[in-house]
Amino acid sequence: MRQRRTRRSYAERRGVVVSLYALIHLPLDEQQQLLARIATWLRPGGCFLCTTGHTAWTGTDDNWLDGGAPMWWSHTDTATYRSWMSDAGLVVDTESFVPEGSGGHTLFWTHRLSGT
């Protein structure tokens, strides 16, 4: 008889999770919890690649890319994201600034600690 896989056991088998330019569009008060959940999706040693805000900012653009649609951002600073990832059991392997216009983002390469 085939065993039913639970969401958690299936998710723990993930070797890589990628989130580019997505976290910054979630409400800030949900981001730390999501980072902690993402860490549980990874098998020990699994990698997480993401972009975050570089400086703290929340705001909207009512005509984003001149398309007539609004866009919303909410992000904290690099140091806070680094702390949240560490709290989640992720080790930051590298981080780098990704320039965009007059600001930019932070690109993080992390991995889940073995045995967590």
C-alpha atoms as a PDB file:
ATOM      1  CA  MET A   1       0.000   0.000   0.000  1.00  0.00           C
ATOM      2  CA  ARG A   2       1.370   3.377  -0.990  1.00  0.00           C
ATOM      3  CA  GLN A   3       1.859   5.828   1.857  1.00  0.00           C
ATOM      4  CA  ARG A   4       0.218   9.195   1.560  1.00  0.00           C
ATOM      5  CA  ARG A   5       2.760  12.007   1.575  1.00  0.00           C
ATOM      6  CA  THR A   6       2.108  14.923   3.843  1.00  0.00           C
ATOM      7  CA  ARG A   7       2.734  18.425   2.657  1.00  0.00           C
ATOM      8  CA  ARG A   8       5.610  18.812   5.089  1.00  0.00           C
ATOM      9  CA  SER A   9       7.417  15.595   4.140  1.00  0.00           C
ATOM     10  CA  TYR A  10       7.079  16.405   0.448  1.00  0.00           C
ATOM     11  CA  ALA A  11       8.239  19.980   0.931  1.00  0.00           C
ATOM     12  CA  GLU A  12      11.283  19.017   2.965  1.00  0.00           C
ATOM     13  CA  ARG A  13      12.655  17.273  -0.103  1.00  0.00           C
ATOM     14  CA  ARG A  14      13.097  20.567  -1.938  1.00  0.00           C
ATOM     15  CA  GLY A  15      16.682  21.352  -2.768  1.00  0.00           C
ATOM     16  CA  VAL A  16      16.062  24.912  -3.970  1.00  0.00           C
ATOM     17  CA  VAL A  17      13.435  27.602  -3.496  1.00  0.00           C
ATOM     18  CA  VAL A  18      13.619  30.825  -5.544  1.00  0.00           C
ATOM     19  CA  SER A  19      11.741  34.063  -4.881  1.00  0.00           C
ATOM     20  CA  LEU A  20      12.837  36.943  -7.086  1.00  0.00           C
ATOM     21  CA  TYR A  21      11.109  40.322  -6.719  1.00  0.00           C
ATOM     22  CA  ALA A  22       8.087  38.752  -4.980  1.00  0.00           C
ATOM     23  CA  LEU A  23       8.563  39.112  -1.205  1.00  0.00           C
ATOM     24  CA  ILE A  24       8.628  42.898  -1.512  1.00  0.00           C
ATOM     25  CA  HIS A  25       5.028  42.892  -2.731  1.00  0.00           C
ATOM     26  CA  LEU A  26       3.672  41.143   0.380  1.00  0.00           C
ATOM     27  CA  PRO A  27       2.640  43.031   3.509  1.00  0.00           C
ATOM     28  CA  LEU A  28       5.711  43.520   5.669  1.00  0.00           C
ATOM     29  CA  ASP A  29       4.068  41.940   8.713  1.00  0.00           C
ATOM     30  CA  GLU A  30       3.713  38.637   6.775  1.00  0.00           C
ATOM     31  CA  GLN A  31       7.252  38.408   5.411  1.00  0.00           C
ATOM     32  CA  GLN A  32       9.123  37.127   8.467  1.00  0.00           C
ATOM     33  CA  GLN A  33       6.630  34.295   8.934  1.00  0.00           C
ATOM     34  CA  LEU A  34       6.873  33.386   5.237  1.00  0.00           C
ATOM     35  CA  LEU A  35      10.676  33.242   5.402  1.00  0.00           C
ATOM     36  CA  ALA A  36      10.379  30.859   8.351  1.00  0.00           C
ATOM     37  CA  ARG A  37       7.952  28.682   6.363  1.00  0.00           C
ATOM     38  CA  ILE A  38      10.223  28.679   3.314  1.00  0.00           C
ATOM     39  CA  ALA A  39      13.071  27.390   5.493  1.00  0.00           C
ATOM     40  CA  THR A  40      10.890  24.375   6.419  1.00  0.00           C
ATOM     41  CA  TRP A  41      10.292  23.614   2.739  1.00  0.00           C
ATOM     42  CA  LEU A  42      14.017  23.012   2.200  1.00  0.00           C
ATOM     43  CA  ARG A  43      15.811  19.805   2.948  1.00  0.00           C
ATOM     44  CA  PRO A  44      18.856  20.284   5.205  1.00  0.00           C
ATOM     45  CA  GLY A  45      21.522  21.984   3.103  1.00  0.00           C
ATOM     46  CA  GLY A  46      18.895  23.131   0.561  1.00  0.00           C
ATOM     47  CA  CYS A  47      19.335  26.575  -1.021  1.00  0.00           C
ATOM     48  CA  PHE A  48      17.084  29.627  -0.954  1.00  0.00           C
ATOM     49  CA  LEU A  49      17.694  32.435  -3.461  1.00  0.00           C
ATOM     50  CA  CYS A  50      15.728  35.642  -3.053  1.00  0.00           C
ATOM     51  CA  THR A  51      15.637  39.360  -3.616  1.00  0.00           C
ATOM     52  CA  THR A  52      14.504  41.698  -0.873  1.00  0.00           C
ATOM     53  CA  GLY A  53      14.393  45.401  -0.270  1.00  0.00           C
ATOM     54  CA  HIS A  54      17.694  47.129   0.375  1.00  0.00           C
ATOM     55  CA  THR A  55      16.255  49.996   2.416  1.00  0.00           C
ATOM     56  CA  ALA A  56      12.964  50.129   4.304  1.00  0.00           C
ATOM     57  CA  TRP A  57      10.075  51.520   2.259  1.00  0.00           C
ATOM     58  CA  THR A  58       6.354  51.013   1.783  1.00  0.00           C
ATOM     59  CA  GLY A  59       4.433  52.708  -0.996  1.00  0.00           C
ATOM     60  CA  THR A  60       2.444  52.475  -4.197  1.00  0.00           C
ATOM     61  CA  ASP A  61       2.627  53.575  -7.805  1.00  0.00           C
ATOM     62  CA  ASP A  62      -0.888  54.085  -9.157  1.00  0.00           C
ATOM     63  CA  ASN A  63       0.257  53.872 -12.787  1.00  0.00           C
ATOM     64  CA  TRP A  64       3.056  51.328 -12.623  1.00  0.00           C
ATOM     65  CA  LEU A  65       5.065  51.116 -15.866  1.00  0.00           C
ATOM     66  CA  ASP A  66       2.468  53.440 -17.448  1.00  0.00           C
ATOM     67  CA  GLY A  67       0.095  50.474 -17.615  1.00  0.00           C
ATOM     68  CA  GLY A  68      -2.769  52.043 -15.693  1.00  0.00           C
ATOM     69  CA  ALA A  69      -2.529  49.460 -12.915  1.00  0.00           C
ATOM     70  CA  PRO A  70      -1.379  50.110  -9.359  1.00  0.00           C
ATOM     71  CA  MET A  71       1.598  48.338  -7.792  1.00  0.00           C
ATOM     72  CA  TRP A  72       2.320  48.075  -4.079  1.00  0.00           C
ATOM     73  CA  TRP A  73       5.626  47.520  -2.234  1.00  0.00           C
ATOM     74  CA  SER A  74       6.500  46.908   1.373  1.00  0.00           C
ATOM     75  CA  HIS A  75       9.997  46.017   2.497  1.00  0.00           C
ATOM     76  CA  THR A  76      12.420  46.493   5.312  1.00  0.00           C
ATOM     77  CA  ASP A  77      16.192  46.898   5.149  1.00  0.00           C
ATOM     78  CA  THR A  78      18.882  44.341   4.337  1.00  0.00           C
ATOM     79  CA  ALA A  79      20.004  43.913   7.958  1.00  0.00           C
ATOM     80  CA  THR A  80      16.482  43.032   9.084  1.00  0.00           C
ATOM     81  CA  TYR A  81      16.037  40.483   6.283  1.00  0.00           C
ATOM     82  CA  ARG A  82      19.400  38.958   7.182  1.00  0.00           C
ATOM     83  CA  SER A  83      18.285  38.656  10.809  1.00  0.00           C
ATOM     84  CA  TRP A  84      14.924  37.116   9.838  1.00  0.00           C
ATOM     85  CA  MET A  85      16.674  34.525   7.671  1.00  0.00           C
ATOM     86  CA  SER A  86      19.074  33.647  10.464  1.00  0.00           C
ATOM     87  CA  ASP A  87      16.158  33.308  12.895  1.00  0.00           C
ATOM     88  CA  ALA A  88      14.540  30.913  10.393  1.00  0.00           C
ATOM     89  CA  GLY A  89      17.623  28.666  10.368  1.00  0.00           C
ATOM     90  CA  LEU A  90      18.986  29.928   7.054  1.00  0.00           C
ATOM     91  CA  VAL A  91      22.681  30.701   6.644  1.00  0.00           C
ATOM     92  CA  VAL A  92      23.487  33.616   4.353  1.00  0.00           C
ATOM     93  CA  ASP A  93      26.200  32.483   1.947  1.00  0.00           C
ATOM     94  CA  THR A  94      26.341  35.675  -0.109  1.00  0.00           C
ATOM     95  CA  GLU A  95      24.442  38.909  -0.402  1.00  0.00           C
ATOM     96  CA  SER A  96      24.858  41.587  -3.007  1.00  0.00           C
ATOM     97  CA  PHE A  97      23.296  44.887  -3.966  1.00  0.00           C
ATOM     98  CA  VAL A  98      21.263  44.876  -7.186  1.00  0.00           C
ATOM     99  CA  PRO A  99      20.897  48.475  -8.429  1.00  0.00           C
ATOM    100  CA  GLU A 100      17.612  49.661  -9.893  1.00  0.00           C
ATOM    101  CA  GLY A 101      17.015  53.306 -10.736  1.00  0.00           C
ATOM    102  CA  SER A 102      17.928  55.468  -7.754  1.00  0.00           C
ATOM    103  CA  GLY A 103      17.653  52.507  -5.340  1.00  0.00           C
ATOM    104  CA  GLY A 104      17.956  48.791  -5.499  1.00  0.00           C
ATOM    105  CA  HIS A 105      17.434  45.414  -3.907  1.00  0.00           C
ATOM    106  CA  THR A 106      19.472  42.834  -2.061  1.00  0.00           C
ATOM    107  CA  LEU A 107      20.095  39.413  -3.586  1.00  0.00           C
ATOM    108  CA  PHE A 108      20.554  36.688  -0.973  1.00  0.00           C
ATOM    109  CA  TRP A 109      21.941  33.177  -1.510  1.00  0.00           C
ATOM    110  CA  THR A 110      21.234  31.143   1.617  1.00  0.00           C
ATOM    111  CA  HIS A 111      21.052  27.534   2.698  1.00  0.00           C
ATOM    112  CA  ARG A 112      19.214  25.650   5.420  1.00  0.00           C
ATOM    113  CA  LEU A 113      21.378  24.361   8.214  1.00  0.00           C
ATOM    114  CA  SER A 114      21.917  20.613   8.245  1.00  0.00           C
ATOM    115  CA  GLY A 115      19.887  18.885  10.914  1.00  0.00           C
ATOM    116  CA  THR A 116      17.313  21.672  11.289  1.00  0.00           C
END
